[in-house]
Amino acid sequence: MDKKTKKYSEEELAIGIIFKEFRISKGFSQLEAAGNEISVTHLSNFENGKTVISTNHFLNILQNINVNMFEFQNSLNQYFQKKDLLLFNIEMADAFAEKNVSKLRMITE
C-alpha cells in the first residue's frame, strides 16, 4: 500500500491528538517537542493524524515535553471513555426518537 493512501486506526490517530493536547497545555512549541528526535514537519503530521511515529521516537518526544507514559496512557484512556459515552448517548437518543423499545433494551443490557 502506498504511504500516501495508508489509513491509520482511530487508536493510532488518537495518540497524536493527545500528544498535541499535552504539548500545547505545557507550553511547548513543536520545535521544542521534536527536539533532535524528529523533524517539525513529521511532528505536525503526527499531531494532525497524517502519520504515525515509531515507539522509540514517541517515548523520546514525550520526554521532551515532560510527560511520562503513565500520564499519557491515563489521558488516552479518558479520551476513549468520552468517545464511548458519546456514542452510547447518540445510540440511546436515536432509539428513543424512533420509539424503538427493543433497541433501547438491547443498548442498555
PDB file of N, CA and C in Angstrom:
ATOM      1  N   MET A   1       0.842  -1.177   0.000  1.00  0.00           N
ATOM      2  CA  MET A   1       0.000   0.000   0.000  1.00  0.00           C
ATOM      3  C   MET A   1       0.890   1.244   0.000  1.00  0.00           C
ATOM      4  N   ASP A   2       0.567   2.191  -0.796  1.00  0.00           N
ATOM      5  CA  ASP A   2       1.291   3.449  -0.897  1.00  0.00           C
ATOM      6  C   ASP A   2       1.176   4.210   0.427  1.00  0.00           C
ATOM      7  N   LYS A   3       2.282   4.797   0.895  1.00  0.00           N
ATOM      8  CA  LYS A   3       2.273   5.527   2.169  1.00  0.00           C
ATOM      9  C   LYS A   3       1.241   6.651   2.170  1.00  0.00           C
ATOM     10  N   LYS A   4       1.040   7.295   1.024  1.00  0.00           N
ATOM     11  CA  LYS A   4       0.118   8.423   0.962  1.00  0.00           C
ATOM     12  C   LYS A   4      -1.336   7.989   1.122  1.00  0.00           C
ATOM     13  N   THR A   5      -1.644   6.739   0.839  1.00  0.00           N
ATOM     14  CA  THR A   5      -3.019   6.270   0.948  1.00  0.00           C
ATOM     15  C   THR A   5      -3.244   5.416   2.194  1.00  0.00           C
ATOM     16  N   LYS A   6      -2.217   5.261   3.015  1.00  0.00           N
ATOM     17  CA  LYS A   6      -2.343   4.427   4.218  1.00  0.00           C
ATOM     18  C   LYS A   6      -3.355   5.041   5.171  1.00  0.00           C
ATOM     19  N   LYS A   7      -4.204   4.204   5.693  1.00  0.00           N
ATOM     20  CA  LYS A   7      -5.185   4.631   6.687  1.00  0.00           C
ATOM     21  C   LYS A   7      -4.751   4.098   8.045  1.00  0.00           C
ATOM     22  N   TYR A   8      -4.834   4.950   9.038  1.00  0.00           N
ATOM     23  CA  TYR A   8      -4.444   4.564  10.385  1.00  0.00           C
ATOM     24  C   TYR A   8      -5.691   4.336  11.229  1.00  0.00           C
ATOM     25  N   SER A   9      -5.554   3.513  12.235  1.00  0.00           N
ATOM     26  CA  SER A   9      -6.683   3.225  13.122  1.00  0.00           C
ATOM     27  C   SER A   9      -6.982   4.442  13.996  1.00  0.00           C
ATOM     28  N   GLU A  10      -8.172   4.438  14.545  1.00  0.00           N
ATOM     29  CA  GLU A  10      -8.573   5.518  15.448  1.00  0.00           C
ATOM     30  C   GLU A  10      -7.631   5.599  16.645  1.00  0.00           C
ATOM     31  N   GLU A  11      -7.188   4.440  17.127  1.00  0.00           N
ATOM     32  CA  GLU A  11      -6.280   4.394  18.266  1.00  0.00           C
ATOM     33  C   GLU A  11      -4.938   5.038  17.916  1.00  0.00           C
ATOM     34  N   GLU A  12      -4.425   4.728  16.730  1.00  0.00           N
ATOM     35  CA  GLU A  12      -3.147   5.308  16.303  1.00  0.00           C
ATOM     36  C   GLU A  12      -3.259   6.822  16.168  1.00  0.00           C
ATOM     37  N   LEU A  13      -4.348   7.295  15.590  1.00  0.00           N
ATOM     38  CA  LEU A  13      -4.528   8.731  15.395  1.00  0.00           C
ATOM     39  C   LEU A  13      -4.732   9.459  16.718  1.00  0.00           C
ATOM     40  N   ALA A  14      -5.383   8.806  17.662  1.00  0.00           N
ATOM     41  CA  ALA A  14      -5.633   9.428  18.963  1.00  0.00           C
ATOM     42  C   ALA A  14      -4.332   9.737  19.695  1.00  0.00           C
ATOM     43  N   ILE A  15      -3.320   8.941  19.486  1.00  0.00           N
ATOM     44  CA  ILE A  15      -2.034   9.165  20.154  1.00  0.00           C
ATOM     45  C   ILE A  15      -1.478  10.537  19.779  1.00  0.00           C
ATOM     46  N   GLY A  16      -1.537  10.887  18.499  1.00  0.00           N
ATOM     47  CA  GLY A  16      -1.065  12.197  18.055  1.00  0.00           C
ATOM     48  C   GLY A  16      -1.915  13.331  18.602  1.00  0.00           C
ATOM     49  N   ILE A  17      -3.222  13.118  18.643  1.00  0.00           N
ATOM     50  CA  ILE A  17      -4.139  14.139  19.158  1.00  0.00           C
ATOM     51  C   ILE A  17      -3.853  14.422  20.629  1.00  0.00           C
ATOM     52  N   ILE A  18      -3.713  13.370  21.417  1.00  0.00           N
ATOM     53  CA  ILE A  18      -3.441  13.529  22.850  1.00  0.00           C
ATOM     54  C   ILE A  18      -2.068  14.160  23.063  1.00  0.00           C
ATOM     55  N   PHE A  19      -1.087  13.743  22.272  1.00  0.00           N
ATOM     56  CA  PHE A  19       0.244  14.338  22.386  1.00  0.00           C
ATOM     57  C   PHE A  19       0.160  15.848  22.163  1.00  0.00           C
ATOM     58  N   LYS A  20      -0.552  16.257  21.113  1.00  0.00           N
ATOM     59  CA  LYS A  20      -0.679  17.687  20.797  1.00  0.00           C
ATOM     60  C   LYS A  20      -1.331  18.441  21.957  1.00  0.00           C
ATOM     61  N   GLU A  21      -2.366  17.851  22.564  1.00  0.00           N
ATOM     62  CA  GLU A  21      -3.020  18.492  23.711  1.00  0.00           C
ATOM     63  C   GLU A  21      -2.034  18.700  24.859  1.00  0.00           C
ATOM     64  N   PHE A  22      -1.229  17.685  25.154  1.00  0.00           N
ATOM     65  CA  PHE A  22      -0.210  17.818  26.203  1.00  0.00           C
ATOM     66  C   PHE A  22       0.803  18.899  25.839  1.00  0.00           C
ATOM     67  N   ARG A  23       1.306  18.851  24.616  1.00  0.00           N
ATOM     68  CA  ARG A  23       2.338  19.806  24.191  1.00  0.00           C
ATOM     69  C   ARG A  23       1.846  21.236  24.361  1.00  0.00           C
ATOM     70  N   ILE A  24       0.650  21.504  23.884  1.00  0.00           N
ATOM     71  CA  ILE A  24       0.092  22.854  23.962  1.00  0.00           C
ATOM     72  C   ILE A  24      -0.177  23.246  25.414  1.00  0.00           C
ATOM     73  N   SER A  25      -0.770  22.336  26.187  1.00  0.00           N
ATOM     74  CA  SER A  25      -1.101  22.665  27.580  1.00  0.00           C
ATOM     75  C   SER A  25       0.140  22.936  28.420  1.00  0.00           C
ATOM     76  N   LYS A  26       1.255  22.339  28.053  1.00  0.00           N
ATOM     77  CA  LYS A  26       2.501  22.549  28.797  1.00  0.00           C
ATOM     78  C   LYS A  26       3.344  23.687  28.220  1.00  0.00           C
ATOM     79  N   GLY A  27       2.853  24.294  27.135  1.00  0.00           N
ATOM     80  CA  GLY A  27       3.509  25.477  26.588  1.00  0.00           C
ATOM     81  C   GLY A  27       4.733  25.209  25.730  1.00  0.00           C
ATOM     82  N   PHE A  28       4.835  24.022  25.156  1.00  0.00           N
ATOM     83  CA  PHE A  28       5.971  23.693  24.290  1.00  0.00           C
ATOM     84  C   PHE A  28       5.631  23.958  22.832  1.00  0.00           C
ATOM     85  N   SER A  29       6.599  24.482  22.105  1.00  0.00           N
ATOM     86  CA  SER A  29       6.441  24.641  20.656  1.00  0.00           C
ATOM     87  C   SER A  29       6.685  23.291  19.993  1.00  0.00           C
ATOM     88  N   GLN A  30       6.322  23.189  18.733  1.00  0.00           N
ATOM     89  CA  GLN A  30       6.608  21.954  18.004  1.00  0.00           C
ATOM     90  C   GLN A  30       8.112  21.740  17.891  1.00  0.00           C
ATOM     91  N   LEU A  31       8.857  22.809  17.729  1.00  0.00           N
ATOM     92  CA  LEU A  31      10.314  22.704  17.628  1.00  0.00           C
ATOM     93  C   LEU A  31      10.904  22.131  18.917  1.00  0.00           C
ATOM     94  N   GLU A  32      10.434  22.624  20.054  1.00  0.00           N
ATOM     95  CA  GLU A  32      10.917  22.113  21.337  1.00  0.00           C
ATOM     96  C   GLU A  32      10.515  20.653  21.536  1.00  0.00           C
ATOM     97  N   ALA A  33       9.288  20.324  21.172  1.00  0.00           N
ATOM     98  CA  ALA A  33       8.805  18.950  21.348  1.00  0.00           C
ATOM     99  C   ALA A  33       9.556  17.974  20.453  1.00  0.00           C
ATOM    100  N   ALA A  34       9.810  18.373  19.229  1.00  0.00           N
ATOM    101  CA  ALA A  34      10.512  17.493  18.286  1.00  0.00           C
ATOM    102  C   ALA A  34      11.960  17.305  18.697  1.00  0.00           C
ATOM    103  N   GLY A  35      12.558  18.353  19.227  1.00  0.00           N
ATOM    104  CA  GLY A  35      13.961  18.289  19.639  1.00  0.00           C
ATOM    105  C   GLY A  35      14.836  17.793  18.510  1.00  0.00           C
ATOM    106  N   ASN A  36      15.760  16.915  18.837  1.00  0.00           N
ATOM    107  CA  ASN A  36      16.631  16.309  17.828  1.00  0.00           C
ATOM    108  C   ASN A  36      16.096  14.957  17.366  1.00  0.00           C
ATOM    109  N   GLU A  37      14.894  14.617  17.812  1.00  0.00           N
ATOM    110  CA  GLU A  37      14.342  13.281  17.565  1.00  0.00           C
ATOM    111  C   GLU A  37      13.701  13.139  16.189  1.00  0.00           C
ATOM    112  N   ILE A  38      12.819  14.075  15.846  1.00  0.00           N
ATOM    113  CA  ILE A  38      12.126  14.045  14.553  1.00  0.00           C
ATOM    114  C   ILE A  38      12.024  15.468  14.026  1.00  0.00           C
ATOM    115  N   SER A  39      11.664  15.611  12.765  1.00  0.00           N
ATOM    116  CA  SER A  39      11.512  16.954  12.197  1.00  0.00           C
ATOM    117  C   SER A  39      10.197  17.567  12.673  1.00  0.00           C
ATOM    118  N   VAL A  40      10.124  18.878  12.623  1.00  0.00           N
ATOM    119  CA  VAL A  40       8.898  19.582  12.995  1.00  0.00           C
ATOM    120  C   VAL A  40       7.770  19.181  12.045  1.00  0.00           C
ATOM    121  N   THR A  41       8.085  19.000  10.779  1.00  0.00           N
ATOM    122  CA  THR A  41       7.081  18.574   9.802  1.00  0.00           C
ATOM    123  C   THR A  41       6.514  17.210  10.174  1.00  0.00           C
ATOM    124  N   HIS A  42       7.398  16.292  10.548  1.00  0.00           N
ATOM    125  CA  HIS A  42       6.949  14.951  10.942  1.00  0.00           C
ATOM    126  C   HIS A  42       6.079  15.026  12.196  1.00  0.00           C
ATOM    127  N   LEU A  43       6.474  15.859  13.151  1.00  0.00           N
ATOM    128  CA  LEU A  43       5.679  16.032  14.364  1.00  0.00           C
ATOM    129  C   LEU A  43       4.304  16.604  14.025  1.00  0.00           C
ATOM    130  N   SER A  44       4.264  17.600  13.163  1.00  0.00           N
ATOM    131  CA  SER A  44       2.995  18.197  12.756  1.00  0.00           C
ATOM    132  C   SER A  44       2.087  17.163  12.099  1.00  0.00           C
ATOM    133  N   ASN A  45       2.662  16.364  11.221  1.00  0.00           N
ATOM    134  CA  ASN A  45       1.880  15.309  10.564  1.00  0.00           C
ATOM    135  C   ASN A  45       1.359  14.293  11.580  1.00  0.00           C
ATOM    136  N   PHE A  46       2.173  13.969  12.562  1.00  0.00           N
ATOM    137  CA  PHE A  46       1.778  13.046  13.631  1.00  0.00           C
ATOM    138  C   PHE A  46       0.621  13.630  14.443  1.00  0.00           C
ATOM    139  N   GLU A  47       0.745  14.888  14.835  1.00  0.00           N
ATOM    140  CA  GLU A  47      -0.287  15.536  15.643  1.00  0.00           C
ATOM    141  C   GLU A  47      -1.601  15.710  14.885  1.00  0.00           C
ATOM    142  N   ASN A  48      -1.521  15.783  13.578  1.00  0.00           N
ATOM    143  CA  ASN A  48      -2.715  16.005  12.758  1.00  0.00           C
ATOM    144  C   ASN A  48      -3.237  14.740  12.080  1.00  0.00           C
ATOM    145  N   GLY A  49      -2.754  13.588  12.509  1.00  0.00           N
ATOM    146  CA  GLY A  49      -3.282  12.327  12.030  1.00  0.00           C
ATOM    147  C   GLY A  49      -2.883  11.923  10.630  1.00  0.00           C
ATOM    148  N   LYS A  50      -1.798  12.488  10.127  1.00  0.00           N
ATOM    149  CA  LYS A  50      -1.355  12.150   8.774  1.00  0.00           C
ATOM    150  C   LYS A  50      -0.312  11.044   8.760  1.00  0.00           C
ATOM    151  N   THR A  51       0.281  10.782   9.914  1.00  0.00           N
ATOM    152  CA  THR A  51       1.293   9.736  10.016  1.00  0.00           C
ATOM    153  C   THR A  51       1.383   9.251  11.456  1.00  0.00           C
ATOM    154  N   VAL A  52       2.077   8.174  11.649  1.00  0.00           N
ATOM    155  CA  VAL A  52       2.384   7.684  12.994  1.00  0.00           C
ATOM    156  C   VAL A  52       3.902   7.704  13.135  1.00  0.00           C
ATOM    157  N   ILE A  53       4.380   7.584  14.363  1.00  0.00           N
ATOM    158  CA  ILE A  53       5.827   7.560  14.574  1.00  0.00           C
ATOM    159  C   ILE A  53       6.198   6.296  15.340  1.00  0.00           C
ATOM    160  N   SER A  54       7.468   5.973  15.306  1.00  0.00           N
ATOM    161  CA  SER A  54       7.937   4.767  15.993  1.00  0.00           C
ATOM    162  C   SER A  54       7.823   4.942  17.504  1.00  0.00           C
ATOM    163  N   THR A  55       7.770   3.834  18.186  1.00  0.00           N
ATOM    164  CA  THR A  55       7.679   3.844  19.647  1.00  0.00           C
ATOM    165  C   THR A  55       8.862   4.570  20.266  1.00  0.00           C
ATOM    166  N   ASN A  56      10.049   4.315  19.753  1.00  0.00           N
ATOM    167  CA  ASN A  56      11.252   4.953  20.282  1.00  0.00           C
ATOM    168  C   ASN A  56      11.167   6.473  20.146  1.00  0.00           C
ATOM    169  N   HIS A  57      10.787   6.948  18.966  1.00  0.00           N
ATOM    170  CA  HIS A  57      10.638   8.396  18.766  1.00  0.00           C
ATOM    171  C   HIS A  57       9.555   8.955  19.691  1.00  0.00           C
ATOM    172  N   PHE A  58       8.459   8.229  19.797  1.00  0.00           N
ATOM    173  CA  PHE A  58       7.357   8.692  20.633  1.00  0.00           C
ATOM    174  C   PHE A  58       7.787   8.855  22.092  1.00  0.00           C
ATOM    175  N   LEU A  59       8.450   7.861  22.629  1.00  0.00           N
ATOM    176  CA  LEU A  59       8.900   7.943  24.023  1.00  0.00           C
ATOM    177  C   LEU A  59       9.861   9.109  24.228  1.00  0.00           C
ATOM    178  N   ASN A  60      10.709   9.361  23.250  1.00  0.00           N
ATOM    179  CA  ASN A  60      11.658  10.472  23.364  1.00  0.00           C
ATOM    180  C   ASN A  60      10.974  11.831  23.277  1.00  0.00           C
ATOM    181  N   ILE A  61       9.984  11.980  22.396  1.00  0.00           N
ATOM    182  CA  ILE A  61       9.318  13.288  22.323  1.00  0.00           C
ATOM    183  C   ILE A  61       8.407  13.502  23.531  1.00  0.00           C
ATOM    184  N   LEU A  62       7.907  12.425  24.130  1.00  0.00           N
ATOM    185  CA  LEU A  62       7.176  12.568  25.398  1.00  0.00           C
ATOM    186  C   LEU A  62       8.094  13.156  26.466  1.00  0.00           C
ATOM    187  N   GLN A  63       9.326  12.666  26.518  1.00  0.00           N
ATOM    188  CA  GLN A  63      10.298  13.216  27.473  1.00  0.00           C
ATOM    189  C   GLN A  63      10.560  14.689  27.187  1.00  0.00           C
ATOM    190  N   ASN A  64      10.585  15.060  25.906  1.00  0.00           N
ATOM    191  CA  ASN A  64      10.849  16.457  25.539  1.00  0.00           C
ATOM    192  C   ASN A  64       9.795  17.412  26.087  1.00  0.00           C
ATOM    193  N   ILE A  65       8.571  16.911  26.313  1.00  0.00           N
ATOM    194  CA  ILE A  65       7.515  17.773  26.853  1.00  0.00           C
ATOM    195  C   ILE A  65       7.189  17.423  28.314  1.00  0.00           C
ATOM    196  N   ASN A  66       8.076  16.659  28.935  1.00  0.00           N
ATOM    197  CA  ASN A  66       7.956  16.320  30.362  1.00  0.00           C
ATOM    198  C   ASN A  66       6.651  15.594  30.711  1.00  0.00           C
ATOM    199  N   VAL A  67       6.321  14.602  29.907  1.00  0.00           N
ATOM    200  CA  VAL A  67       5.142  13.772  30.162  1.00  0.00           C
ATOM    201  C   VAL A  67       5.619  12.331  30.277  1.00  0.00           C
ATOM    202  N   ASN A  68       5.196  11.648  31.349  1.00  0.00           N
ATOM    203  CA  ASN A  68       5.577  10.241  31.471  1.00  0.00           C
ATOM    204  C   ASN A  68       4.506   9.355  30.833  1.00  0.00           C
ATOM    205  N   MET A  69       4.848   8.109  30.632  1.00  0.00           N
ATOM    206  CA  MET A  69       3.956   7.190  29.933  1.00  0.00           C
ATOM    207  C   MET A  69       2.668   6.948  30.711  1.00  0.00           C
ATOM    208  N   PHE A  70       2.741   6.897  32.027  1.00  0.00           N
ATOM    209  CA  PHE A  70       1.536   6.705  32.840  1.00  0.00           C
ATOM    210  C   PHE A  70       0.558   7.854  32.629  1.00  0.00           C
ATOM    211  N   GLU A  71       1.070   9.074  32.677  1.00  0.00           N
ATOM    212  CA  GLU A  71       0.244  10.268  32.485  1.00  0.00           C
ATOM    213  C   GLU A  71      -0.403  10.252  31.099  1.00  0.00           C
ATOM    214  N   PHE A  72       0.387   9.881  30.100  1.00  0.00           N
ATOM    215  CA  PHE A  72      -0.128   9.842  28.733  1.00  0.00           C
ATOM    216  C   PHE A  72      -1.202   8.765  28.587  1.00  0.00           C
ATOM    217  N   GLN A  73      -0.937   7.576  29.098  1.00  0.00           N
ATOM    218  CA  GLN A  73      -1.895   6.466  28.979  1.00  0.00           C
ATOM    219  C   GLN A  73      -3.203   6.798  29.679  1.00  0.00           C
ATOM    220  N   ASN A  74      -3.129   7.459  30.810  1.00  0.00           N
ATOM    221  CA  ASN A  74      -4.325   7.868  31.533  1.00  0.00           C
ATOM    222  C   ASN A  74      -5.182   8.803  30.678  1.00  0.00           C
ATOM    223  N   SER A  75      -4.557   9.774  30.040  1.00  0.00           N
ATOM    224  CA  SER A  75      -5.291  10.704  29.176  1.00  0.00           C
ATOM    225  C   SER A  75      -5.870  10.002  27.958  1.00  0.00           C
ATOM    226  N   LEU A  76      -5.119   9.079  27.402  1.00  0.00           N
ATOM    227  CA  LEU A  76      -5.600   8.320  26.246  1.00  0.00           C
ATOM    228  C   LEU A  76      -6.828   7.490  26.633  1.00  0.00           C
ATOM    229  N   ASN A  77      -6.783   6.858  27.798  1.00  0.00           N
ATOM    230  CA  ASN A  77      -7.937   6.084  28.279  1.00  0.00           C
ATOM    231  C   ASN A  77      -9.161   6.974  28.474  1.00  0.00           C
ATOM    232  N   GLN A  78      -8.966   8.149  29.048  1.00  0.00           N
ATOM    233  CA  GLN A  78     -10.069   9.090  29.246  1.00  0.00           C
ATOM    234  C   GLN A  78     -10.656   9.533  27.911  1.00  0.00           C
ATOM    235  N   TYR A  79      -9.799   9.746  26.932  1.00  0.00           N
ATOM    236  CA  TYR A  79     -10.240  10.144  25.590  1.00  0.00           C
ATOM    237  C   TYR A  79     -11.191   9.094  25.016  1.00  0.00           C
ATOM    238  N   PHE A  80     -10.827   7.830  25.124  1.00  0.00           N
ATOM    239  CA  PHE A  80     -11.671   6.768  24.577  1.00  0.00           C
ATOM    240  C   PHE A  80     -12.937   6.558  25.398  1.00  0.00           C
ATOM    241  N   GLN A  81     -12.862   6.756  26.706  1.00  0.00           N
ATOM    242  CA  GLN A  81     -14.070   6.634  27.530  1.00  0.00           C
ATOM    243  C   GLN A  81     -15.088   7.701  27.146  1.00  0.00           C
ATOM    244  N   LYS A  82     -14.621   8.923  26.891  1.00  0.00           N
ATOM    245  CA  LYS A  82     -15.520  10.005  26.476  1.00  0.00           C
ATOM    246  C   LYS A  82     -16.158   9.679  25.135  1.00  0.00           C
ATOM    247  N   LYS A  83     -15.364   9.144  24.204  1.00  0.00           N
ATOM    248  CA  LYS A  83     -15.900   8.786  22.889  1.00  0.00           C
ATOM    249  C   LYS A  83     -16.936   7.677  23.017  1.00  0.00           C
ATOM    250  N   ASP A  84     -16.667   6.682  23.867  1.00  0.00           N
ATOM    251  CA  ASP A  84     -17.614   5.586  24.072  1.00  0.00           C
ATOM    252  C   ASP A  84     -18.917   6.099  24.679  1.00  0.00           C
ATOM    253  N   LEU A  85     -18.824   6.996  25.638  1.00  0.00           N
ATOM    254  CA  LEU A  85     -20.008   7.555  26.275  1.00  0.00           C
ATOM    255  C   LEU A  85     -20.820   8.370  25.274  1.00  0.00           C
ATOM    256  N   LEU A  86     -20.145   9.144  24.447  1.00  0.00           N
ATOM    257  CA  LEU A  86     -20.835   9.938  23.432  1.00  0.00           C
ATOM    258  C   LEU A  86     -21.581   9.029  22.457  1.00  0.00           C
ATOM    259  N   LEU A  87     -20.936   7.974  21.998  1.00  0.00           N
ATOM    260  CA  LEU A  87     -21.576   7.027  21.088  1.00  0.00           C
ATOM    261  C   LEU A  87     -22.797   6.381  21.752  1.00  0.00           C
ATOM    262  N   PHE A  88     -22.664   5.993  23.003  1.00  0.00           N
ATOM    263  CA  PHE A  88     -23.780   5.411  23.749  1.00  0.00           C
ATOM    264  C   PHE A  88     -24.954   6.389  23.803  1.00  0.00           C
ATOM    265  N   ASN A  89     -24.663   7.654  24.127  1.00  0.00           N
ATOM    266  CA  ASN A  89     -25.718   8.665  24.226  1.00  0.00           C
ATOM    267  C   ASN A  89     -26.407   8.896  22.884  1.00  0.00           C
ATOM    268  N   ILE A  90     -25.643   8.889  21.803  1.00  0.00           N
ATOM    269  CA  ILE A  90     -26.219   9.068  20.467  1.00  0.00           C
ATOM    270  C   ILE A  90     -27.137   7.894  20.125  1.00  0.00           C
ATOM    271  N   GLU A  91     -26.673   6.680  20.396  1.00  0.00           N
ATOM    272  CA  GLU A  91     -27.486   5.492  20.119  1.00  0.00           C
ATOM    273  C   GLU A  91     -28.769   5.502  20.944  1.00  0.00           C
ATOM    274  N   MET A  92     -28.670   5.895  22.197  1.00  0.00           N
ATOM    275  CA  MET A  92     -29.855   5.971  23.057  1.00  0.00           C
ATOM    276  C   MET A  92     -30.837   7.017  22.532  1.00  0.00           C
ATOM    277  N   ALA A  93     -30.335   8.182  22.165  1.00  0.00           N
ATOM    278  CA  ALA A  93     -31.197   9.251  21.662  1.00  0.00           C
ATOM    279  C   ALA A  93     -31.892   8.833  20.370  1.00  0.00           C
ATOM    280  N   ASP A  94     -31.157   8.181  19.484  1.00  0.00           N
ATOM    281  CA  ASP A  94     -31.754   7.711  18.227  1.00  0.00           C
ATOM    282  C   ASP A  94     -32.858   6.692  18.492  1.00  0.00           C
ATOM    283  N   ALA A  95     -32.587   5.734  19.356  1.00  0.00           N
ATOM    284  CA  ALA A  95     -33.582   4.708  19.672  1.00  0.00           C
ATOM    285  C   ALA A  95     -34.810   5.329  20.336  1.00  0.00           C
ATOM    286  N   PHE A  96     -34.582   6.295  21.212  1.00  0.00           N
ATOM    287  CA  PHE A  96     -35.690   6.970  21.882  1.00  0.00           C
ATOM    288  C   PHE A  96     -36.526   7.755  20.873  1.00  0.00           C
ATOM    289  N   ALA A  97     -35.856   8.486  19.972  1.00  0.00           N
ATOM    290  CA  ALA A  97     -36.559   9.274  18.954  1.00  0.00           C
ATOM    291  C   ALA A  97     -37.376   8.376  18.025  1.00  0.00           C
ATOM    292  N   GLU A  98     -36.852   7.187  17.762  1.00  0.00           N
ATOM    293  CA  GLU A  98     -37.550   6.223  16.901  1.00  0.00           C
ATOM    294  C   GLU A  98     -38.614   5.441  17.676  1.00  0.00           C
ATOM    295  N   LYS A  99     -38.665   5.644  18.997  1.00  0.00           N
ATOM    296  CA  LYS A  99     -39.564   4.890  19.880  1.00  0.00           C
ATOM    297  C   LYS A  99     -39.362   3.390  19.699  1.00  0.00           C
ATOM    298  N   ASN A 100     -38.095   3.027  19.570  1.00  0.00           N
ATOM    299  CA  ASN A 100     -37.710   1.639  19.329  1.00  0.00           C
ATOM    300  C   ASN A 100     -37.344   0.992  20.669  1.00  0.00           C
ATOM    301  N   VAL A 101     -38.336   0.402  21.311  1.00  0.00           N
ATOM    302  CA  VAL A 101     -38.160  -0.175  22.643  1.00  0.00           C
ATOM    303  C   VAL A 101     -37.165  -1.331  22.627  1.00  0.00           C
ATOM    304  N   SER A 102     -37.231  -2.168  21.610  1.00  0.00           N
ATOM    305  CA  SER A 102     -36.305  -3.312  21.562  1.00  0.00           C
ATOM    306  C   SER A 102     -34.858  -2.840  21.418  1.00  0.00           C
ATOM    307  N   LYS A 103     -34.650  -1.782  20.649  1.00  0.00           N
ATOM    308  CA  LYS A 103     -33.294  -1.235  20.502  1.00  0.00           C
ATOM    309  C   LYS A 103     -32.820  -0.638  21.828  1.00  0.00           C
ATOM    310  N   LEU A 104     -33.707   0.044  22.526  1.00  0.00           N
ATOM    311  CA  LEU A 104     -33.357   0.608  23.834  1.00  0.00           C
ATOM    312  C   LEU A 104     -32.970  -0.493  24.815  1.00  0.00           C
ATOM    313  N   ARG A 105     -33.732  -1.576  24.814  1.00  0.00           N
ATOM    314  CA  ARG A 105     -33.409  -2.699  25.704  1.00  0.00           C
ATOM    315  C   ARG A 105     -32.045  -3.288  25.361  1.00  0.00           C
ATOM    316  N   MET A 106     -31.806  -3.461  24.061  1.00  0.00           N
ATOM    317  CA  MET A 106     -30.541  -4.045  23.616  1.00  0.00           C
ATOM    318  C   MET A 106     -29.354  -3.163  24.034  1.00  0.00           C
ATOM    319  N   ILE A 107     -29.496  -1.859  23.892  1.00  0.00           N
ATOM    320  CA  ILE A 107     -28.416  -0.925  24.230  1.00  0.00           C
ATOM    321  C   ILE A 107     -28.126  -0.941  25.728  1.00  0.00           C
ATOM    322  N   THR A 108     -29.163  -1.028  26.532  1.00  0.00           N
ATOM    323  CA  THR A 108     -28.984  -0.923  27.982  1.00  0.00           C
ATOM    324  C   THR A 108     -28.644  -2.236  28.668  1.00  0.00           C
ATOM    325  N   GLU A 109     -28.699  -3.340  27.949  1.00  0.00           N
ATOM    326  CA  GLU A 109     -28.362  -4.636  28.563  1.00  0.00           C
ATOM    327  C   GLU A 109     -26.886  -4.862  28.616  1.00  0.00           C
TER     328      GLU A 109
END
